[in-house]
Amino acid sequence: MAVTIAAVVATVFGVLSLVHVYWALGGRTGKGAAVPQVSSRPAFVPSAFATFFVAVGLAACALLVAATAHLVVSPLSGSWLKWLCLALALGLLARAVGDFRLVGFFKRIRGSAFARLDTLLYAPLCLLLSVAVFHVATSEAL
């Protein structure tokens, strides 16, 4: 079961990485709802480099989860992979909870396209990924 969950999680991270590569290369679809907004304006404007850097990070998350489940070979030991996955799960949980202002379940600024998607999709996805990554990291079946 943990291997299947790891494969699904790695696929989700992979798809998210590809979306960020698309945006980094100039794609526009969905980009407007990907950044928090304050007073109908983006809270920040990510550069192509920053967006590509996020894509690389998401790809690394996919590889980490896949390596932890032995779906890919890694030079890291099993204990390192486990601890890195636990840190990832904690980071995803923190993202789901949010900063109490712009992102997460407990954000104060609402009403924008980003805020609606964050409530309905982004924060729940982060929570679900957090639980799934934690499961992979702590699975005895691996």
Protein backbone atom coordinates (compact mmCIF):
# COMPACT_ATOMS: atom_id res chain seq x y z
CA MET A 1 0.00 0.00 0.00
CA ALA A 2 2.80 2.45 0.87
CA VAL A 3 4.41 1.89 -2.54
CA THR A 4 1.15 2.77 -4.31
CA ILE A 5 0.71 5.87 -2.16
CA ALA A 6 4.32 6.87 -2.87
CA ALA A 7 3.78 6.44 -6.62
CA VAL A 8 0.67 8.63 -6.53
CA VAL A 9 2.39 11.29 -4.39
CA ALA A 10 5.48 11.30 -6.62
CA THR A 11 3.22 11.68 -9.67
CA VAL A 12 1.39 14.63 -8.08
CA PHE A 13 4.71 16.33 -7.28
CA GLY A 14 5.90 15.59 -10.82
CA VAL A 15 2.81 17.12 -12.40
CA LEU A 16 3.09 20.20 -10.15
CA SER A 17 6.74 20.51 -11.18
CA LEU A 18 5.81 20.40 -14.86
CA VAL A 19 3.15 23.09 -14.33
CA HIS A 20 5.79 25.33 -12.77
CA VAL A 21 8.18 24.67 -15.67
CA TYR A 22 5.35 25.69 -18.02
CA TRP A 23 4.89 28.95 -16.10
CA ALA A 24 8.65 29.56 -15.97
CA LEU A 25 8.79 29.23 -19.74
CA GLY A 26 6.07 31.87 -20.16
CA GLY A 27 2.83 29.91 -19.91
CA ARG A 28 -0.09 31.92 -18.59
CA THR A 29 -2.95 29.48 -18.03
CA GLY A 30 -3.74 29.27 -14.32
CA LYS A 31 -0.92 31.60 -13.34
CA GLY A 32 -3.27 34.34 -12.10
CA ALA A 33 -4.73 32.08 -9.43
CA ALA A 34 -1.36 30.71 -8.31
CA VAL A 35 -0.17 33.75 -6.33
CA PRO A 36 -1.88 35.25 -3.26
CA GLN A 37 -3.58 38.57 -3.81
CA VAL A 38 -3.94 41.63 -1.60
CA SER A 39 -6.42 44.32 -2.67
CA SER A 40 -6.89 42.62 -6.06
CA ARG A 41 -3.15 42.77 -6.80
CA PRO A 42 -0.59 39.96 -6.58
CA ALA A 43 1.19 39.88 -3.21
CA PHE A 44 4.40 39.28 -5.20
CA VAL A 45 5.41 38.64 -8.80
CA PRO A 46 7.60 35.55 -9.05
CA SER A 47 10.38 35.68 -11.62
CA ALA A 48 10.85 32.95 -14.20
CA PHE A 49 13.97 31.86 -12.29
CA ALA A 50 12.08 31.63 -8.99
CA THR A 51 9.28 29.69 -10.65
CA PHE A 52 11.80 27.30 -12.21
CA PHE A 53 13.48 26.92 -8.80
CA VAL A 54 10.11 25.89 -7.33
CA ALA A 55 9.75 23.37 -10.19
CA VAL A 56 13.12 21.85 -9.30
CA GLY A 57 12.11 21.65 -5.64
CA LEU A 58 8.86 19.90 -6.51
CA ALA A 59 10.75 17.43 -8.72
CA ALA A 60 13.13 16.79 -5.81
CA CYS A 61 10.12 16.07 -3.58
CA ALA A 62 8.86 13.56 -6.15
CA LEU A 63 12.25 11.84 -6.23
CA LEU A 64 12.52 11.84 -2.44
CA VAL A 65 9.17 10.10 -1.99
CA ALA A 66 9.91 7.67 -4.82
CA ALA A 67 13.33 6.86 -3.37
CA THR A 68 11.90 6.33 0.10
CA ALA A 69 9.51 3.74 -1.37
CA HIS A 70 12.37 2.16 -3.38
CA LEU A 71 10.76 3.13 -6.68
CA VAL A 72 14.04 4.77 -7.73
CA VAL A 73 17.61 4.23 -6.58
CA SER A 74 19.10 6.84 -4.26
CA PRO A 75 22.61 7.37 -2.93
CA LEU A 76 21.09 8.31 0.44
CA SER A 77 20.54 5.75 3.17
CA GLY A 78 17.07 4.66 4.18
CA SER A 79 17.28 6.58 7.46
CA TRP A 80 18.19 9.82 5.64
CA LEU A 81 15.30 9.33 3.24
CA LYS A 82 12.93 8.69 6.12
CA TRP A 83 13.99 11.84 7.99
CA LEU A 84 13.83 13.97 4.85
CA CYS A 85 10.32 12.64 4.16
CA LEU A 86 9.27 13.45 7.71
CA ALA A 87 10.61 17.00 7.24
CA LEU A 88 8.70 17.24 3.95
CA ALA A 89 5.51 16.04 5.64
CA LEU A 90 5.96 18.67 8.35
CA GLY A 91 6.57 21.39 5.73
CA LEU A 92 3.44 20.38 3.84
CA LEU A 93 1.44 20.44 7.06
CA ALA A 94 2.77 23.92 7.82
CA ARG A 95 1.72 25.06 4.32
CA ALA A 96 -1.77 23.64 4.86
CA VAL A 97 -2.14 25.47 8.18
CA GLY A 98 -0.73 28.59 6.54
CA ASP A 99 0.74 31.90 7.60
CA PHE A 100 -2.55 33.17 9.12
CA ARG A 101 -2.61 35.98 6.54
CA LEU A 102 -2.44 34.96 2.87
CA VAL A 103 -2.29 31.15 2.62
CA GLY A 104 -3.60 28.06 4.36
CA PHE A 105 -6.75 27.07 6.16
CA PHE A 106 -6.46 29.94 8.63
CA LYS A 107 -5.77 32.83 6.21
CA ARG A 108 -7.44 36.17 6.88
CA ILE A 109 -7.37 37.62 3.37
CA ARG A 110 -10.12 35.95 1.36
CA GLY A 111 -12.23 36.66 -1.71
CA SER A 112 -9.60 36.42 -4.45
CA ALA A 113 -9.34 33.63 -7.02
CA PHE A 114 -6.22 32.41 -5.22
CA ALA A 115 -7.91 32.44 -1.80
CA ARG A 116 -10.87 30.43 -3.09
CA LEU A 117 -8.61 27.86 -4.75
CA ASP A 118 -6.40 27.77 -1.67
CA THR A 119 -9.39 26.90 0.50
CA LEU A 120 -10.86 24.36 -1.92
CA LEU A 121 -7.72 22.81 -3.46
CA TYR A 122 -4.24 23.99 -2.46
CA ALA A 123 -4.45 23.73 1.34
CA PRO A 124 -6.41 20.43 1.32
CA LEU A 125 -3.93 19.00 -1.20
CA CYS A 126 -1.02 20.01 1.04
CA LEU A 127 -2.72 18.36 4.02
CA LEU A 128 -3.40 15.18 2.05
CA LEU A 129 0.16 15.09 0.70
CA SER A 130 1.48 15.64 4.22
CA VAL A 131 -0.43 12.64 5.54
CA ALA A 132 0.60 10.51 2.55
CA VAL A 133 4.29 11.44 2.80
CA PHE A 134 4.20 10.74 6.55
CA HIS A 135 2.68 7.33 5.81
CA VAL A 136 5.41 6.53 3.29
CA ALA A 137 8.13 7.68 5.69
CA THR A 138 6.84 5.58 8.58
CA SER A 139 5.73 2.49 6.67
CA GLU A 140 7.31 -0.70 7.92
CA ALA A 141 6.45 -2.45 4.65
CA LEU A 142 9.22 -0.63 2.76
